[in-house]
Amino acid sequence: MQIFLENIAFNHDPNLNTTGSFFLRRNETENVPRPEWSNRCSSDPTCAPAGYVMATLPATLTIKASFSCDDTTVPSIHIRALEGPASPTHILGAVQAKLVNLQNGKSGLVVFNLPDAKARMDKVSVSDITWKWQFSTDGINWTDFQDTVHRIYVVLEMPTEPWKPTSSSANDIQVPWTEVLDKACEWAAGAKDVDEAAAGVTRNVYDLGKINKVRYGTAASYARNAFNCTGFLQLLKQGVGNSQRINCEDCATVVSTFSNVLGANLFQSSMNDVFGFTTNPILLIGKQPNQFRAATFLRHQVAWKNNCDVNDRLFDACLQVDGDGRPQAGGGQIALQPTNLVFGTAQQPGSYKFFFSSEPTKPTPTLDRKRRLLGISALGLPIITNNASLNGLKEHYNFNSWPHPDVDPNPVHENDSQSNGSLSDSSPFDFSRLLDAFTDWEQLSVIKFPEESFVDITETLLKRRGSSEEFVEITVYEPAPEQDPNEFLLQLLGHFDLLNFKLSLDVGDVSFASPQGDTVLFRRRNFVASVRSVGLKETRVIELARDLDLSLPHSK
């Protein structure tokens, strides 16, 4: 006689009232089926994952499992599962023995108790478990018939937005991802409350700079209008993603999104003055310990609790502050990671504001308190609607002196006869025609963003041949005819943290370059372009911007 295990269901209550578990998917494109384990599952524990919420665990955890027997006359069989030799004691413990009734050799899904599981779930964890399934005809003598492996996640509270742990839709990408849980549970391992978990996530995100995974960049690479979580996971696993540079919005979004999957309740929200402010000496992510420097920010974003206001606590993975009690003094700094600090005031020792800046910086939750949904979006979005910020940008960058875009309905192009990738005003940007001008670079990805108010947005990621640390992101925008491209160029400048761009006459009709030459933003007629270094190694991009400019429409 042979017994076969057909299915195991962990999250077997669709109303989530009795199992302490929640719905999962693997990543943006792959769903986790239910039942989670089937006889088609591989020996990879990620094939059959389950997630449990400490705050909602029942007195006794249960699973459901189904079996078949090759002898259809057998009326019943005893079934149990022991903790396997690969994990002699594990988070779920043994499956309690039970007499299972069979009908025509089939059991259907049967409830089994996990008597030891709840007592073992006392902190954030991720672990792989093995069950050795056995059957018996008399309840005394047991025969092994199947080993199964599973990845088990334990979180503190039910995941919060942007996650949707109660959604059973296979198409909902906001259902918690196991690939996010893998990293979040690792970063917060052992945490017994949500603040401890968020602090662990914060420290580990900042430490990505210490292990040379990322360095600070002045614009968001992953956290724009939406959060490109897929790209960020690729960065963690492969070292690339779509950028090795991250800014404060990226850090705030990663911290809040990865903490919230563990049950925290954080938002992304900003602080600023009317128009920019200077910090005390800070150590930005990816910098060396001796590189404490003051910075002038247009704004700064963190992961924030509750109302994201003066009396609320926050977590900042983008930087460390000077914790020696004299944050404005130079030299002798003691690096402090801001975790669970109240924003407070500059006169309040121990507060974030005390450490961060003595200038009149204030929270701005009414403008941008949010939780970004998962997805992709282009640099420069969402559109800035705050008039005070826009007017400050216009004054700072002398907007009224910019040449007006005179769009010719029948433009001519430089080097038209050479077919170098030039565009008409109605042609979408095609980077592939420009590769002859970028012989030292290989194209890694091209994304086209369908956005309202734009005819076309194309983002291209380039990698210098032979290098794993030089990457350039080129984004070309064609605003809709009714949109002023100068206004969008101003918007683009406003999506960079630092106010350090200088007007340049080298590229386009109007252009701005960063002091290091690693970012160039320009307008050529009705097209706007961003060329920026996004690798660990800084790359001057002015020549690349010039070559790009030659492909765009020029006036007659």
Protein backbone atom coordinates (compact mmCIF):
# COMPACT_ATOMS: atom_id res chain seq x y z
CA MET A 1 0.00 0.00 0.00
CA GLN A 2 1.20 3.50 -0.86
CA ILE A 3 0.07 6.83 0.58
CA PHE A 4 0.55 10.08 -1.35
CA LEU A 5 0.50 13.64 -0.02
CA GLU A 6 -1.49 15.79 -2.47
CA ASN A 7 -1.76 19.30 -0.94
CA ILE A 8 -0.94 21.35 2.15
CA ALA A 9 -2.84 24.57 2.87
CA PHE A 10 -1.48 26.99 5.48
CA ASN A 11 -3.75 29.97 4.81
CA HIS A 12 -6.89 27.85 4.60
CA ASP A 13 -9.37 30.37 6.04
CA PRO A 14 -10.29 32.90 3.32
CA ASN A 15 -11.54 35.31 6.01
CA LEU A 16 -8.17 35.17 7.89
CA ASN A 17 -10.00 34.68 11.19
CA THR A 18 -8.65 31.35 12.40
CA THR A 19 -5.19 30.67 10.99
CA GLY A 20 -3.14 33.75 11.96
CA SER A 21 -1.84 33.84 8.38
CA PHE A 22 -2.24 36.18 5.40
CA PHE A 23 -2.13 36.11 1.62
CA LEU A 24 1.20 36.10 -0.20
CA ARG A 25 2.69 36.48 -3.65
CA ARG A 26 6.32 35.88 -4.62
CA ASN A 27 7.04 39.16 -6.39
CA GLU A 28 5.51 41.55 -8.89
CA THR A 29 4.87 38.88 -11.51
CA GLU A 30 4.42 35.60 -9.58
CA ASN A 31 1.57 34.66 -7.30
CA VAL A 32 1.65 32.09 -4.46
CA PRO A 33 -1.07 29.49 -5.23
CA ARG A 34 -3.43 28.04 -2.68
CA PRO A 35 -3.05 25.43 -1.32
CA GLU A 36 0.53 26.57 -0.97
CA TRP A 37 2.09 23.10 -1.33
CA SER A 38 1.11 20.59 -3.98
CA ASN A 39 2.69 17.39 -5.22
CA ARG A 40 4.14 19.44 -8.08
CA CYS A 41 6.21 21.48 -5.65
CA SER A 42 9.99 21.26 -5.78
CA SER A 43 12.40 20.71 -2.90
CA ASP A 44 12.96 24.46 -2.76
CA PRO A 45 11.32 25.81 0.43
CA THR A 46 10.28 29.00 -1.38
CA CYS A 47 7.93 26.84 -3.45
CA ALA A 48 5.56 26.55 -0.47
CA PRO A 49 5.77 29.63 1.81
CA ALA A 50 3.49 30.76 4.61
CA GLY A 51 3.28 33.97 6.63
CA TYR A 52 2.01 34.29 10.21
CA VAL A 53 1.03 37.34 12.28
CA MET A 54 2.02 37.12 15.94
CA ALA A 55 -0.78 39.48 17.00
CA THR A 56 -3.54 37.31 15.51
CA LEU A 57 -2.37 33.76 16.21
CA PRO A 58 -5.11 31.36 17.37
CA ALA A 59 -4.62 29.25 20.47
CA THR A 60 -3.67 26.31 18.26
CA LEU A 61 -2.38 26.75 14.72
CA THR A 62 -3.77 24.45 12.07
CA ILE A 63 -3.05 23.41 8.53
CA LYS A 64 -5.10 21.42 6.06
CA ALA A 65 -3.66 18.55 4.05
CA SER A 66 -5.06 16.04 1.56
CA PHE A 67 -3.92 12.49 0.77
CA SER A 68 -4.57 9.62 -1.58
CA CYS A 69 -4.06 5.86 -1.31
CA ASP A 70 -3.44 3.42 -4.14
CA ASP A 71 -5.72 0.90 -2.43
CA THR A 72 -9.20 2.36 -2.79
CA THR A 73 -10.66 -0.14 -0.31
CA VAL A 74 -8.76 1.29 2.69
CA PRO A 75 -11.30 3.20 4.84
CA SER A 76 -8.86 5.23 6.98
CA ILE A 77 -5.22 5.82 7.78
CA HIS A 78 -3.26 7.48 10.59
CA ILE A 79 -1.16 10.48 9.43
CA ARG A 80 1.42 12.64 11.20
CA ALA A 81 4.52 14.70 10.35
CA LEU A 82 7.70 14.93 12.43
CA GLU A 83 10.16 17.77 12.46
CA GLY A 84 12.60 16.74 9.77
CA PRO A 85 16.28 15.92 10.27
CA ALA A 86 17.31 19.07 8.38
CA SER A 87 15.53 21.14 11.06
CA PRO A 88 15.10 18.91 14.13
CA THR A 89 13.24 21.69 15.97
CA HIS A 90 11.62 24.45 13.99
CA ILE A 91 9.09 27.24 14.15
CA LEU A 92 5.98 25.14 13.39
CA GLY A 93 6.92 21.97 15.27
CA ALA A 94 5.39 18.60 14.51
CA VAL A 95 2.04 17.92 12.84
CA GLN A 96 -0.14 16.13 15.39
CA ALA A 97 -1.21 12.61 14.44
CA LYS A 98 -4.76 12.14 13.18
CA LEU A 99 -6.95 9.37 11.84
CA VAL A 100 -7.88 10.38 8.29
CA ASN A 101 -10.93 8.92 6.60
CA LEU A 102 -10.64 7.91 2.96
CA GLN A 103 -13.32 7.53 0.32
CA ASN A 104 -12.36 5.79 -2.89
CA GLY A 105 -8.73 6.38 -1.92
CA LYS A 106 -9.12 10.15 -1.41
CA SER A 107 -9.22 12.18 1.81
CA GLY A 108 -9.95 15.72 0.67
CA LEU A 109 -8.47 18.53 2.78
CA VAL A 110 -8.27 17.56 6.46
CA VAL A 111 -7.48 19.83 9.42
CA PHE A 112 -4.30 19.05 11.41
CA ASN A 113 -3.12 20.74 14.60
CA LEU A 114 0.33 22.27 15.15
CA PRO A 115 0.41 22.19 18.97
CA ASP A 116 3.90 23.68 19.42
CA ALA A 117 3.80 26.47 16.83
CA LYS A 118 2.29 29.41 18.72
CA ALA A 119 4.74 29.23 21.64
CA ARG A 120 7.66 29.36 19.19
CA MET A 121 6.44 32.45 17.33
CA ASP A 122 7.68 35.20 19.62
CA LYS A 123 9.72 37.44 17.30
CA VAL A 124 10.26 38.42 13.67
CA SER A 125 11.82 35.55 11.77
CA VAL A 126 12.19 33.75 8.47
CA SER A 127 13.10 30.06 8.52
CA ASP A 128 13.01 26.99 6.35
CA ILE A 129 11.38 23.93 7.88
CA THR A 130 11.17 20.25 6.98
CA TRP A 131 8.34 17.87 7.77
CA LYS A 132 8.77 14.09 7.53
CA TRP A 133 5.31 12.73 6.77
CA GLN A 134 4.42 9.27 8.05
CA PHE A 135 1.41 6.95 7.91
CA SER A 136 0.31 4.06 10.09
CA THR A 137 -2.43 1.48 9.86
CA ASP A 138 -2.56 0.93 13.61
CA GLY A 139 -1.31 4.22 15.11
CA ILE A 140 1.75 2.44 16.51
CA ASN A 141 4.01 1.43 13.65
CA TRP A 142 4.85 4.30 11.30
CA THR A 143 6.16 4.41 7.73
CA ASP A 144 7.84 7.43 6.08
CA PHE A 145 6.24 8.42 2.79
CA GLN A 146 7.04 12.09 2.01
CA ASP A 147 9.34 14.96 3.07
CA THR A 148 8.19 18.55 2.49
CA VAL A 149 10.06 21.82 2.94
CA HIS A 150 8.54 25.26 3.52
CA ARG A 151 9.63 28.83 4.16
CA ILE A 152 7.85 30.34 7.14
CA TYR A 153 7.66 34.06 7.88
CA VAL A 154 6.66 35.48 11.26
CA VAL A 155 5.68 39.16 11.41
CA LEU A 156 4.48 41.25 14.33
CA GLU A 157 1.20 42.76 13.12
CA MET A 158 -0.85 42.40 9.98
CA PRO A 159 1.05 44.14 7.13
CA THR A 160 -0.11 47.69 6.48
CA GLU A 161 -0.32 49.86 3.36
CA PRO A 162 0.86 49.77 0.67
CA TRP A 163 0.47 46.05 1.32
CA LYS A 164 -2.90 44.32 1.02
CA PRO A 165 -2.56 41.13 3.09
CA THR A 166 -6.31 40.40 2.95
CA SER A 167 -6.52 40.49 -0.84
CA SER A 168 -6.95 37.09 -2.44
CA SER A 169 -6.65 38.42 -5.98
CA ALA A 170 -3.93 36.72 -8.00
CA ASN A 171 -3.51 39.96 -9.99
CA ASP A 172 -3.07 42.34 -7.04
CA ILE A 173 0.63 43.26 -6.86
CA GLN A 174 0.11 44.93 -3.46
CA VAL A 175 -0.32 41.52 -1.78
CA PRO A 176 2.81 41.01 0.41
CA TRP A 177 5.78 39.69 -1.55
CA THR A 178 7.84 36.84 -0.16
CA GLU A 179 10.93 38.38 -1.80
CA VAL A 180 10.36 41.49 0.33
CA LEU A 181 9.66 39.39 3.43
CA ASP A 182 12.93 37.51 2.89
CA LYS A 183 14.89 40.72 3.27
CA ALA A 184 12.64 42.50 5.79
CA CYS A 185 12.65 39.52 8.17
CA GLU A 186 16.41 39.22 7.82
CA TRP A 187 16.93 42.92 8.56
CA ALA A 188 14.55 42.90 11.55
CA ALA A 189 15.36 39.39 12.82
CA GLY A 190 14.58 38.98 16.52
CA ALA A 191 12.48 42.14 16.82
CA LYS A 192 9.59 41.87 19.27
CA ASP A 193 7.84 45.15 18.50
CA VAL A 194 7.31 47.25 15.39
CA ASP A 195 9.65 50.07 16.44
CA GLU A 196 12.49 47.60 16.97
CA ALA A 197 11.72 46.07 13.59
CA ALA A 198 11.71 49.45 11.82
CA ALA A 199 14.99 50.35 13.51
CA GLY A 200 16.56 47.14 12.22
CA VAL A 201 15.36 47.86 8.70
CA THR A 202 16.66 51.43 8.91
CA ARG A 203 20.14 50.42 10.04
CA ASN A 204 20.42 47.73 7.38
CA VAL A 205 19.34 50.05 4.57
CA TYR A 206 21.98 52.59 5.64
CA ASP A 207 24.54 49.80 5.85
CA LEU A 208 24.05 49.07 2.14
CA GLY A 209 26.37 52.03 1.68
CA LYS A 210 28.97 50.49 3.97
CA ILE A 211 29.11 47.30 1.90
CA ASN A 212 29.39 49.28 -1.33
CA LYS A 213 25.94 48.42 -2.67
CA VAL A 214 24.79 52.03 -2.97
CA ARG A 215 25.88 55.61 -2.61
CA TYR A 216 23.91 58.79 -2.17
CA GLY A 217 22.36 60.35 -5.26
CA THR A 218 20.47 63.62 -5.44
CA ALA A 219 17.31 62.29 -7.14
CA ALA A 220 15.09 59.29 -6.55
CA SER A 221 15.90 56.16 -8.52
CA TYR A 222 13.24 53.81 -7.15
CA ALA A 223 10.74 55.96 -5.21
CA ARG A 224 9.08 58.29 -7.66
CA ASN A 225 5.34 58.51 -8.12
CA ALA A 226 5.37 54.75 -7.44
CA PHE A 227 7.95 52.51 -5.76
CA ASN A 228 9.91 50.30 -8.15
CA CYS A 229 10.29 47.51 -5.61
CA THR A 230 11.24 45.01 -8.31
CA GLY A 231 14.17 47.16 -9.35
CA PHE A 232 15.29 47.63 -5.74
CA LEU A 233 15.23 43.87 -5.12
CA GLN A 234 17.34 43.41 -8.25
CA LEU A 235 19.82 45.90 -6.80
CA LEU A 236 20.04 43.85 -3.59
CA LYS A 237 20.45 40.54 -5.41
CA GLN A 238 22.43 41.50 -8.50
CA GLY A 239 24.12 44.76 -7.58
CA VAL A 240 22.50 46.76 -10.36
CA GLY A 241 18.71 47.20 -10.39
CA ASN A 242 18.12 50.43 -12.28
CA SER A 243 20.59 52.47 -10.22
CA GLN A 244 23.31 52.20 -7.58
CA ARG A 245 22.44 55.70 -6.37
CA ILE A 246 19.60 56.28 -3.92
CA ASN A 247 18.33 59.42 -2.25
CA CYS A 248 16.21 60.27 0.78
CA GLU A 249 12.92 59.41 -0.97
CA ASP A 250 14.27 56.01 -1.89
CA CYS A 251 15.47 55.38 1.67
CA ALA A 252 12.22 56.57 3.26
CA THR A 253 10.18 54.41 0.92
CA VAL A 254 12.27 51.28 1.41
CA VAL A 255 12.23 51.68 5.20
CA SER A 256 8.47 52.27 5.40
CA THR A 257 7.50 49.62 2.83
CA PHE A 258 9.79 46.91 4.25
CA SER A 259 8.84 47.78 7.86
CA ASN A 260 5.13 47.88 7.06
CA VAL A 261 5.21 44.33 5.67
CA LEU A 262 6.25 43.36 9.23
CA GLY A 263 3.31 45.25 10.74
CA ALA A 264 4.74 48.74 11.29
CA ASN A 265 2.62 51.72 10.30
CA LEU A 266 5.00 54.19 8.67
CA PHE A 267 4.56 56.83 5.99
CA GLN A 268 6.94 58.67 3.70
CA SER A 269 6.83 62.39 4.44
CA SER A 270 9.08 65.41 4.04
CA MET A 271 10.47 68.40 5.85
CA ASN A 272 11.61 71.70 4.40
CA ASP A 273 11.74 75.43 4.87
CA VAL A 274 9.96 77.82 2.54
CA PHE A 275 12.71 77.07 0.05
CA GLY A 276 15.64 74.92 1.08
CA PHE A 277 17.71 74.65 4.25
CA THR A 278 21.21 73.76 5.40
CA THR A 279 21.84 70.82 7.73
CA ASN A 280 24.29 70.34 10.54
CA PRO A 281 27.20 68.04 9.58
CA ILE A 282 25.70 64.70 8.43
CA LEU A 283 27.09 61.48 7.00
CA LEU A 284 25.14 60.56 3.86
CA ILE A 285 24.62 56.94 2.86
CA GLY A 286 27.67 55.51 1.10
CA LYS A 287 30.09 58.10 2.50
CA GLN A 288 33.22 57.32 4.50
CA PRO A 289 33.20 57.90 8.31
CA ASN A 290 35.40 60.99 7.94
CA GLN A 291 33.02 62.65 5.46
CA PHE A 292 30.61 64.36 7.83
CA ARG A 293 29.51 67.48 5.90
CA ALA A 294 26.71 70.02 6.02
CA ALA A 295 24.37 69.87 3.01
CA THR A 296 21.85 72.28 1.55
CA PHE A 297 18.62 70.42 0.76
CA LEU A 298 15.59 71.56 -1.14
CA ARG A 299 13.69 69.12 1.09
CA HIS A 300 14.36 65.90 2.98
CA GLN A 301 12.12 62.84 3.27
CA VAL A 302 12.06 60.17 5.99
CA ALA A 303 9.91 57.26 7.16
CA TRP A 304 7.55 58.75 9.70
CA LYS A 305 4.92 57.59 12.20
CA ASN A 306 1.36 58.78 12.78
CA ASN A 307 0.72 62.31 11.49
CA CYS A 308 4.33 62.88 10.35
CA ASP A 309 4.47 66.08 12.35
CA VAL A 310 6.63 67.76 15.01
CA ASN A 311 5.63 65.43 17.84
CA ASP A 312 5.81 62.22 15.82
CA ARG A 313 8.73 59.81 15.59
CA LEU A 314 10.71 58.99 12.48
CA PHE A 315 13.35 56.72 10.96
CA ASP A 316 16.05 58.00 8.57
CA ALA A 317 18.19 55.54 6.59
CA CYS A 318 19.60 58.16 4.22
CA LEU A 319 22.08 59.61 6.70
CA GLN A 320 23.63 59.53 10.13
CA VAL A 321 23.75 62.56 12.42
CA ASP A 322 26.36 63.64 14.94
CA GLY A 323 25.34 62.16 18.29
CA ASP A 324 28.04 63.76 20.45
CA GLY A 325 25.64 66.39 21.82
CA ARG A 326 27.24 69.22 19.82
CA PRO A 327 25.73 68.62 16.36
CA GLN A 328 26.75 72.01 14.95
CA ALA A 329 30.39 71.67 15.93
CA GLY A 330 32.94 70.32 13.50
CA GLY A 331 35.17 67.31 14.13
CA GLY A 332 34.94 64.48 16.62
CA GLN A 333 31.51 63.32 15.48
CA ILE A 334 29.83 60.24 16.90
CA ALA A 335 27.71 58.69 14.17
CA LEU A 336 24.09 58.15 15.25
CA GLN A 337 21.44 56.42 13.11
CA PRO A 338 18.12 58.24 13.54
CA THR A 339 15.66 55.53 14.58
CA ASN A 340 12.42 56.21 16.41
CA LEU A 341 13.41 59.80 17.18
CA VAL A 342 10.75 62.44 17.73
CA PHE A 343 11.12 65.26 15.21
CA GLY A 344 11.02 67.88 17.99
CA THR A 345 12.84 71.20 17.91
CA ALA A 346 16.40 72.44 17.58
CA GLN A 347 16.29 73.31 21.28
CA GLN A 348 15.21 69.80 22.30
CA PRO A 349 18.32 67.63 22.95
CA GLY A 350 17.87 64.11 21.66
CA SER A 351 15.31 65.08 19.04
CA TYR A 352 15.86 64.59 15.33
CA LYS A 353 15.65 68.32 14.70
CA PHE A 354 18.33 68.99 17.34
CA PHE A 355 20.73 66.67 15.56
CA PHE A 356 19.74 67.47 11.99
CA SER A 357 19.50 71.22 11.44
CA SER A 358 19.38 74.48 13.37
CA GLU A 359 17.59 76.22 10.50
CA PRO A 360 13.78 76.64 10.56
CA THR A 361 13.01 73.27 9.00
CA LYS A 362 9.51 71.95 9.56
CA PRO A 363 7.44 68.89 8.66
CA THR A 364 5.14 69.20 5.63
CA PRO A 365 2.65 66.34 6.01
CA THR A 366 -0.19 68.21 4.32
CA LEU A 367 1.87 68.35 1.12
CA ASP A 368 3.35 64.89 0.76
CA ARG A 369 2.50 62.39 3.52
CA LYS A 370 2.06 59.19 1.53
CA ARG A 371 2.68 55.49 1.07
CA ARG A 372 3.82 54.88 -2.48
CA LEU A 373 2.14 52.01 -4.26
CA LEU A 374 4.33 49.42 -5.96
CA GLY A 375 5.05 49.98 -9.64
CA ILE A 376 7.24 52.03 -11.95
CA SER A 377 7.19 55.70 -12.83
CA ALA A 378 9.48 58.22 -14.45
CA LEU A 379 11.92 60.65 -12.86
CA GLY A 380 10.24 64.02 -12.42
CA LEU A 381 6.86 62.68 -11.35
CA PRO A 382 4.55 63.39 -9.62
CA ILE A 383 4.13 66.97 -10.79
CA ILE A 384 4.95 69.52 -8.08
CA THR A 385 1.84 71.54 -7.26
CA ASN A 386 3.10 73.62 -4.34
CA ASN A 387 3.25 77.19 -5.64
CA ALA A 388 5.69 78.37 -2.99
CA SER A 389 8.17 75.66 -4.03
CA LEU A 390 7.70 76.39 -7.71
CA ASN A 391 8.14 80.14 -7.23
CA GLY A 392 11.27 79.50 -5.17
CA LEU A 393 12.64 77.28 -7.95
CA LYS A 394 11.86 79.94 -10.54
CA GLU A 395 13.71 82.59 -8.58
CA HIS A 396 16.65 80.34 -7.72
CA TYR A 397 17.17 79.21 -11.31
CA ASN A 398 16.25 82.58 -12.91
CA PHE A 399 13.41 80.96 -14.81
CA ASN A 400 12.18 84.12 -16.54
CA SER A 401 15.48 84.45 -18.40
CA TRP A 402 15.24 81.04 -20.06
CA PRO A 403 14.72 81.14 -23.83
CA HIS A 404 11.18 80.38 -24.83
CA PRO A 405 10.69 77.05 -26.64
CA ASP A 406 9.81 77.98 -30.23
CA VAL A 407 8.49 74.68 -31.56
CA ASP A 408 8.77 74.45 -35.34
CA PRO A 409 6.03 72.27 -36.84
CA ASN A 410 8.56 71.15 -39.51
CA PRO A 411 11.89 70.94 -37.67
CA VAL A 412 15.18 70.01 -39.27
CA HIS A 413 17.90 68.06 -37.48
CA GLU A 414 21.61 68.18 -37.38
CA ASN A 415 23.12 65.29 -39.37
CA ASP A 416 19.77 64.44 -40.95
CA SER A 417 21.48 62.77 -43.87
CA GLN A 418 23.39 60.40 -41.58
CA SER A 419 20.27 58.83 -40.04
CA ASN A 420 21.66 59.22 -36.52
CA GLY A 421 18.44 58.74 -34.60
CA SER A 422 17.07 62.24 -35.09
CA LEU A 423 13.43 62.84 -34.32
CA SER A 424 10.61 64.74 -35.80
CA ASP A 425 8.32 66.39 -33.27
CA SER A 426 5.90 63.48 -33.71
CA SER A 427 8.45 60.65 -33.50
CA PRO A 428 8.99 58.80 -30.20
CA PHE A 429 12.55 58.76 -28.96
CA ASP A 430 14.48 55.68 -30.13
CA PHE A 431 17.80 55.30 -28.33
CA SER A 432 18.89 52.31 -30.42
CA ARG A 433 19.76 54.64 -33.30
CA LEU A 434 22.22 56.45 -31.07
CA LEU A 435 24.40 53.48 -30.15
CA ASP A 436 27.12 54.50 -32.61
CA ALA A 437 27.69 57.60 -30.47
CA PHE A 438 27.94 55.49 -27.30
CA THR A 439 30.44 52.85 -28.34
CA ASP A 440 31.84 52.45 -24.81
CA TRP A 441 28.40 51.69 -23.40
CA GLU A 442 25.97 48.81 -23.57
CA GLN A 443 22.24 49.18 -23.20
CA LEU A 444 20.79 47.26 -20.24
CA SER A 445 17.15 48.29 -20.33
CA VAL A 446 14.65 50.61 -21.98
CA ILE A 447 11.38 51.58 -20.31
CA LYS A 448 8.60 53.60 -21.88
CA PHE A 449 6.22 55.25 -19.45
CA PRO A 450 2.62 55.92 -20.50
CA GLU A 451 1.85 59.17 -18.68
CA GLU A 452 -0.83 61.77 -19.11
CA SER A 453 0.43 65.14 -20.42
CA PHE A 454 3.30 63.43 -22.27
CA VAL A 455 3.54 62.18 -25.81
CA ASP A 456 6.43 59.96 -24.79
CA ILE A 457 8.81 59.27 -21.89
CA THR A 458 11.70 56.88 -22.53
CA GLU A 459 14.23 55.85 -19.87
CA THR A 460 17.40 54.00 -20.91
CA LEU A 461 19.96 52.44 -18.57
CA LEU A 462 23.52 52.16 -19.90
CA LYS A 463 26.48 50.27 -18.48
CA ARG A 464 30.08 51.08 -19.36
CA ARG A 465 31.65 48.06 -21.00
CA GLY A 466 33.94 46.18 -18.61
CA SER A 467 32.73 48.03 -15.50
CA SER A 468 30.33 46.98 -12.74
CA GLU A 469 30.22 50.46 -11.17
CA GLU A 470 29.55 52.87 -14.04
CA PHE A 471 25.96 53.29 -15.11
CA VAL A 472 24.15 56.17 -16.79
CA GLU A 473 20.41 56.77 -16.91
CA ILE A 474 19.09 58.76 -19.87
CA THR A 475 15.47 59.91 -19.80
CA VAL A 476 13.90 61.79 -22.70
CA TYR A 477 10.52 63.49 -22.27
CA GLU A 478 8.22 64.83 -24.92
CA PRO A 479 5.54 66.86 -23.14
CA ALA A 480 2.14 67.13 -24.78
CA PRO A 481 1.76 70.19 -27.06
CA GLU A 482 -0.27 72.08 -24.47
CA GLN A 483 2.45 71.68 -21.81
CA ASP A 484 5.29 74.22 -21.58
CA PRO A 485 8.57 72.21 -21.74
CA ASN A 486 10.33 74.97 -19.77
CA GLU A 487 7.86 74.40 -16.95
CA PHE A 488 8.62 70.68 -17.01
CA LEU A 489 12.37 71.31 -16.97
CA LEU A 490 11.74 73.40 -13.85
CA GLN A 491 9.73 70.50 -12.39
CA LEU A 492 12.63 68.17 -13.12
CA LEU A 493 15.05 70.45 -11.26
CA GLY A 494 12.63 70.39 -8.33
CA HIS A 495 12.91 66.61 -8.03
CA PHE A 496 16.59 66.82 -7.08
CA ASP A 497 17.38 67.17 -3.37
CA LEU A 498 20.21 69.67 -3.74
CA LEU A 499 19.99 73.19 -5.14
CA ASN A 500 23.40 73.08 -6.77
CA PHE A 501 22.72 73.01 -10.52
CA LYS A 502 24.38 75.71 -12.60
CA LEU A 503 23.06 77.16 -15.84
CA SER A 504 25.06 75.86 -18.80
CA LEU A 505 25.23 76.91 -22.44
CA ASP A 506 26.92 73.73 -23.68
CA VAL A 507 23.82 71.62 -24.33
CA GLY A 508 20.32 72.24 -25.67
CA ASP A 509 18.46 75.51 -25.75
CA VAL A 510 18.71 75.74 -21.96
CA SER A 511 20.55 73.36 -19.67
CA PHE A 512 21.76 72.83 -16.12
CA ALA A 513 24.65 70.73 -14.86
CA SER A 514 25.66 69.58 -11.39
CA PRO A 515 29.01 70.85 -10.06
CA GLN A 516 30.61 67.42 -10.57
CA GLY A 517 29.22 67.09 -14.10
CA ASP A 518 27.50 63.82 -13.18
CA THR A 519 24.03 65.12 -14.04
CA VAL A 520 22.84 67.27 -16.95
CA LEU A 521 19.25 68.40 -17.45
CA PHE A 522 18.34 70.24 -20.63
CA ARG A 523 15.63 71.27 -23.06
CA ARG A 524 15.98 71.14 -26.82
CA ARG A 525 12.89 72.69 -28.43
CA ASN A 526 9.91 70.76 -27.03
CA PHE A 527 12.01 67.86 -25.68
CA VAL A 528 13.41 67.68 -22.14
CA ALA A 529 16.20 65.28 -21.19
CA SER A 530 17.94 64.04 -18.06
CA VAL A 531 21.38 62.41 -18.27
CA ARG A 532 22.73 61.27 -14.92
CA SER A 533 25.38 59.02 -13.48
CA VAL A 534 23.71 56.32 -11.39
CA GLY A 535 26.65 54.01 -10.63
CA LEU A 536 28.89 53.71 -7.62
CA LYS A 537 31.65 55.30 -9.67
CA GLU A 538 30.95 58.89 -10.62
CA THR A 539 30.79 59.47 -14.37
CA ARG A 540 30.91 62.86 -16.09
CA VAL A 541 28.02 62.87 -18.52
CA ILE A 542 28.38 66.18 -20.37
CA GLU A 543 29.72 64.57 -23.56
CA LEU A 544 26.94 61.99 -23.49
CA ALA A 545 24.42 64.81 -23.10
CA ARG A 546 25.93 66.61 -26.10
CA ASP A 547 25.65 63.48 -28.24
CA LEU A 548 22.05 63.02 -27.12
CA ASP A 549 21.29 66.63 -27.91
CA LEU A 550 22.48 66.17 -31.51
CA SER A 551 19.73 63.62 -32.05
CA LEU A 552 16.93 65.95 -30.96
CA PRO A 553 15.08 68.37 -33.26
CA HIS A 554 16.87 71.71 -33.86
CA SER A 555 15.42 74.96 -35.18
CA LYS A 556 15.78 75.85 -38.82
